């Protein structure tokens, strides 16, 4: 998952302008049925509506997100625990992207990435990301 422009700007301002940036104690994983636009924050990040859809809260700690590791392609971190969405009570459509937000609703898109395989979520369906399936990297 690449970082959004919003988060890139916050990181650069913190490092180069001594601007404070306080990461939250929780990140929220959301799903999109459209391709997000990085330049406009969460523009075109279209989440399912209704049918028991909700972003999943994940505590920002080393149990859920271990310390980043270095490689020749940059620093990488991935979820270490499963992230499971509620069971759908109706259609959520075809989900093509996942994203990390700083709020349960609204808020700022922090990072996003395409799913390896789009998922059509119907009534009774449930999407889960197993450990290691949501990698984030800086390079």
C-alpha atoms as a PDB file:
ATOM      1  CA  UNK A   1       0.000   0.000   0.000  1.00  0.00           C
ATOM      2  CA  UNK A   2       1.491   3.334  -0.944  1.00  0.00           C
ATOM      3  CA  UNK A   3       0.986   6.258   1.411  1.00  0.00           C
ATOM      4  CA  UNK A   4      -1.529   8.933   0.425  1.00  0.00           C
ATOM      5  CA  UNK A   5      -0.366  12.454  -0.376  1.00  0.00           C
ATOM      6  CA  UNK A   6      -1.975  13.535   2.900  1.00  0.00           C
ATOM      7  CA  UNK A   7       0.292  11.241   4.935  1.00  0.00           C
ATOM      8  CA  UNK A   8       3.370  11.942   2.805  1.00  0.00           C
ATOM      9  CA  UNK A   9       2.900  15.675   3.450  1.00  0.00           C
ATOM     10  CA  UNK A  10       2.486  15.097   7.204  1.00  0.00           C
ATOM     11  CA  UNK A  11       5.680  12.999   7.347  1.00  0.00           C
ATOM     12  CA  UNK A  12       7.728  15.524   5.357  1.00  0.00           C
ATOM     13  CA  UNK A  13       6.453  18.424   7.480  1.00  0.00           C
ATOM     14  CA  UNK A  14       7.296  16.527  10.670  1.00  0.00           C
ATOM     15  CA  UNK A  15      10.821  15.716   9.487  1.00  0.00           C
ATOM     16  CA  UNK A  16      11.731  18.940   7.675  1.00  0.00           C
ATOM     17  CA  UNK A  17       9.559  21.640   9.239  1.00  0.00           C
ATOM     18  CA  UNK A  18       9.466  20.465  12.851  1.00  0.00           C
ATOM     19  CA  UNK A  19       5.681  20.229  12.511  1.00  0.00           C
ATOM     20  CA  UNK A  20       3.937  18.021  15.015  1.00  0.00           C
ATOM     21  CA  UNK A  21       2.143  14.952  13.743  1.00  0.00           C
ATOM     22  CA  UNK A  22       0.482  12.685  16.258  1.00  0.00           C
ATOM     23  CA  UNK A  23      -0.487   9.315  14.882  1.00  0.00           C
ATOM     24  CA  UNK A  24      -3.664   7.937  16.368  1.00  0.00           C
ATOM     25  CA  UNK A  25      -3.840   4.910  18.643  1.00  0.00           C
ATOM     26  CA  UNK A  26      -6.068   3.198  16.085  1.00  0.00           C
ATOM     27  CA  UNK A  27      -6.152   2.889  12.310  1.00  0.00           C
ATOM     28  CA  UNK A  28      -9.321   1.948  10.456  1.00  0.00           C
ATOM     29  CA  UNK A  29      -9.293  -0.391   7.474  1.00  0.00           C
ATOM     30  CA  UNK A  30     -11.848   0.417   4.801  1.00  0.00           C
ATOM     31  CA  UNK A  31     -12.833  -1.048   1.439  1.00  0.00           C
ATOM     32  CA  UNK A  32     -13.481   0.674  -1.893  1.00  0.00           C
ATOM     33  CA  UNK A  33     -15.388  -0.315  -5.002  1.00  0.00           C
ATOM     34  CA  UNK A  34     -13.573   2.334  -7.072  1.00  0.00           C
ATOM     35  CA  UNK A  35      -9.954   3.327  -7.736  1.00  0.00           C
ATOM     36  CA  UNK A  36      -8.850   6.004  -5.224  1.00  0.00           C
ATOM     37  CA  UNK A  37      -7.202   9.238  -6.345  1.00  0.00           C
ATOM     38  CA  UNK A  38      -3.999   9.798  -4.347  1.00  0.00           C
ATOM     39  CA  UNK A  39      -3.753  13.496  -5.130  1.00  0.00           C
ATOM     40  CA  UNK A  40      -7.074  14.325  -3.519  1.00  0.00           C
ATOM     41  CA  UNK A  41      -6.921  12.351  -0.307  1.00  0.00           C
ATOM     42  CA  UNK A  42      -9.922  10.083  -0.092  1.00  0.00           C
ATOM     43  CA  UNK A  43     -11.482  11.300  -3.343  1.00  0.00           C
ATOM     44  CA  UNK A  44     -12.989   8.406  -5.243  1.00  0.00           C
ATOM     45  CA  UNK A  45     -12.502   5.991  -2.343  1.00  0.00           C
ATOM     46  CA  UNK A  46     -16.057   4.690  -2.542  1.00  0.00           C
ATOM     47  CA  UNK A  47     -16.945   2.534   0.435  1.00  0.00           C
ATOM     48  CA  UNK A  48     -19.938   0.209   0.503  1.00  0.00           C
ATOM     49  CA  UNK A  49     -22.974   1.747   2.177  1.00  0.00           C
ATOM     50  CA  UNK A  50     -25.242  -0.072   4.592  1.00  0.00           C
ATOM     51  CA  UNK A  51     -25.668  -3.841   4.790  1.00  0.00           C
ATOM     52  CA  UNK A  52     -23.529  -3.997   7.978  1.00  0.00           C
ATOM     53  CA  UNK A  53     -20.461  -2.471   6.289  1.00  0.00           C
ATOM     54  CA  UNK A  54     -18.117  -0.659   8.660  1.00  0.00           C
ATOM     55  CA  UNK A  55     -14.412   0.089   8.727  1.00  0.00           C
ATOM     56  CA  UNK A  56     -12.476  -2.261  10.983  1.00  0.00           C
ATOM     57  CA  UNK A  57     -10.612  -0.666  13.901  1.00  0.00           C
ATOM     58  CA  UNK A  58      -7.072  -1.991  14.392  1.00  0.00           C
ATOM     59  CA  UNK A  59      -4.938  -0.785  17.293  1.00  0.00           C
ATOM     60  CA  UNK A  60      -1.718   0.846  16.152  1.00  0.00           C
ATOM     61  CA  UNK A  61       0.765  -1.303  18.061  1.00  0.00           C
ATOM     62  CA  UNK A  62       3.535  -3.817  17.421  1.00  0.00           C
ATOM     63  CA  UNK A  63       1.179  -6.759  17.941  1.00  0.00           C
ATOM     64  CA  UNK A  64      -0.941  -5.736  14.943  1.00  0.00           C
ATOM     65  CA  UNK A  65       1.770  -3.895  12.959  1.00  0.00           C
ATOM     66  CA  UNK A  66       5.303  -5.110  13.835  1.00  0.00           C
ATOM     67  CA  UNK A  67       8.304  -2.847  13.449  1.00  0.00           C
ATOM     68  CA  UNK A  68       9.205  -2.175   9.804  1.00  0.00           C
ATOM     69  CA  UNK A  69      11.946  -4.196   8.160  1.00  0.00           C
ATOM     70  CA  UNK A  70      14.507  -2.843   5.711  1.00  0.00           C
ATOM     71  CA  UNK A  71      15.121  -4.279   2.276  1.00  0.00           C
ATOM     72  CA  UNK A  72      16.680  -3.102  -0.961  1.00  0.00           C
ATOM     73  CA  UNK A  73      13.251  -1.787  -1.990  1.00  0.00           C
ATOM     74  CA  UNK A  74      12.666   0.237   1.207  1.00  0.00           C
ATOM     75  CA  UNK A  75      11.062  -0.170   4.613  1.00  0.00           C
ATOM     76  CA  UNK A  76       8.075  -2.512   4.811  1.00  0.00           C
ATOM     77  CA  UNK A  77       5.500  -3.413   7.450  1.00  0.00           C
ATOM     78  CA  UNK A  78       2.445  -5.624   7.204  1.00  0.00           C
ATOM     79  CA  UNK A  79      -0.459  -6.586   9.419  1.00  0.00           C
ATOM     80  CA  UNK A  80       0.508  -9.376  11.834  1.00  0.00           C
ATOM     81  CA  UNK A  81      -3.052 -10.262  12.804  1.00  0.00           C
ATOM     82  CA  UNK A  82      -6.175 -11.034  10.784  1.00  0.00           C
ATOM     83  CA  UNK A  83      -8.442  -8.099   9.948  1.00  0.00           C
ATOM     84  CA  UNK A  84     -12.024  -9.273   9.537  1.00  0.00           C
ATOM     85  CA  UNK A  85     -14.963  -7.197   8.354  1.00  0.00           C
ATOM     86  CA  UNK A  86     -18.517  -7.752   9.609  1.00  0.00           C
ATOM     87  CA  UNK A  87     -20.648 -10.278   7.763  1.00  0.00           C
ATOM     88  CA  UNK A  88     -22.575  -8.522   4.983  1.00  0.00           C
ATOM     89  CA  UNK A  89     -26.351  -8.402   5.353  1.00  0.00           C
ATOM     90  CA  UNK A  90     -26.714  -7.404   1.695  1.00  0.00           C
ATOM     91  CA  UNK A  91     -24.524  -6.675  -1.303  1.00  0.00           C
ATOM     92  CA  UNK A  92     -21.402  -4.537  -0.869  1.00  0.00           C
ATOM     93  CA  UNK A  93     -20.610  -4.755  -4.576  1.00  0.00           C
ATOM     94  CA  UNK A  94     -17.201  -5.668  -5.949  1.00  0.00           C
ATOM     95  CA  UNK A  95     -14.445  -4.447  -3.654  1.00  0.00           C
ATOM     96  CA  UNK A  96     -11.214  -3.597  -5.486  1.00  0.00           C
ATOM     97  CA  UNK A  97      -9.154  -1.556  -2.973  1.00  0.00           C
ATOM     98  CA  UNK A  98      -8.402  -1.435   0.738  1.00  0.00           C
ATOM     99  CA  UNK A  99      -7.323   1.669   2.610  1.00  0.00           C
ATOM    100  CA  UNK A 100      -6.166   2.822   6.028  1.00  0.00           C
ATOM    101  CA  UNK A 101      -7.911   5.793   7.614  1.00  0.00           C
ATOM    102  CA  UNK A 102      -7.400   7.832  10.775  1.00  0.00           C
ATOM    103  CA  UNK A 103     -11.114   7.757  11.715  1.00  0.00           C
ATOM    104  CA  UNK A 104     -13.981   5.272  11.874  1.00  0.00           C
ATOM    105  CA  UNK A 105     -15.933   7.421   9.390  1.00  0.00           C
ATOM    106  CA  UNK A 106     -14.743  10.337   7.285  1.00  0.00           C
ATOM    107  CA  UNK A 107     -11.218  11.238   8.343  1.00  0.00           C
ATOM    108  CA  UNK A 108      -8.107  11.094   6.200  1.00  0.00           C
ATOM    109  CA  UNK A 109      -6.988   8.327   3.882  1.00  0.00           C
ATOM    110  CA  UNK A 110      -3.473   7.338   5.017  1.00  0.00           C
ATOM    111  CA  UNK A 111      -2.611   4.569   2.565  1.00  0.00           C
ATOM    112  CA  UNK A 112      -4.368   2.394   0.035  1.00  0.00           C
ATOM    113  CA  UNK A 113      -3.736  -0.448  -2.358  1.00  0.00           C
ATOM    114  CA  UNK A 114      -5.446  -2.665  -4.879  1.00  0.00           C
ATOM    115  CA  UNK A 115      -6.620  -6.091  -3.800  1.00  0.00           C
ATOM    116  CA  UNK A 116      -4.765  -8.907  -5.539  1.00  0.00           C
ATOM    117  CA  UNK A 117      -8.158 -10.267  -6.580  1.00  0.00           C
ATOM    118  CA  UNK A 118     -11.336  -8.150  -6.546  1.00  0.00           C
ATOM    119  CA  UNK A 119     -13.916  -9.547  -4.132  1.00  0.00           C
ATOM    120  CA  UNK A 120     -17.663  -9.521  -4.757  1.00  0.00           C
ATOM    121  CA  UNK A 121     -19.319  -9.349  -1.350  1.00  0.00           C
ATOM    122  CA  UNK A 122     -22.907 -10.617  -1.270  1.00  0.00           C
ATOM    123  CA  UNK A 123     -25.317 -11.095   1.612  1.00  0.00           C
ATOM    124  CA  UNK A 124     -23.727 -13.495   4.099  1.00  0.00           C
ATOM    125  CA  UNK A 125     -20.239 -12.853   2.709  1.00  0.00           C
ATOM    126  CA  UNK A 126     -17.351 -11.770   4.885  1.00  0.00           C
ATOM    127  CA  UNK A 127     -13.983 -10.366   3.850  1.00  0.00           C
ATOM    128  CA  UNK A 128     -10.895 -11.034   5.936  1.00  0.00           C
ATOM    129  CA  UNK A 129      -7.258 -10.102   5.420  1.00  0.00           C
ATOM    130  CA  UNK A 130      -4.986 -12.729   6.909  1.00  0.00           C
ATOM    131  CA  UNK A 131      -1.680 -11.764   8.539  1.00  0.00           C
ATOM    132  CA  UNK A 132       0.698 -10.336   5.955  1.00  0.00           C
ATOM    133  CA  UNK A 133      -1.976  -9.470   3.378  1.00  0.00           C
ATOM    134  CA  UNK A 134      -1.862  -5.672   3.905  1.00  0.00           C
ATOM    135  CA  UNK A 135       1.755  -4.630   3.334  1.00  0.00           C
ATOM    136  CA  UNK A 136       2.826  -0.966   3.533  1.00  0.00           C
ATOM    137  CA  UNK A 137       6.143   0.309   2.254  1.00  0.00           C
ATOM    138  CA  UNK A 138       8.252   3.440   1.959  1.00  0.00           C
ATOM    139  CA  UNK A 139      10.933   3.515  -0.687  1.00  0.00           C
END
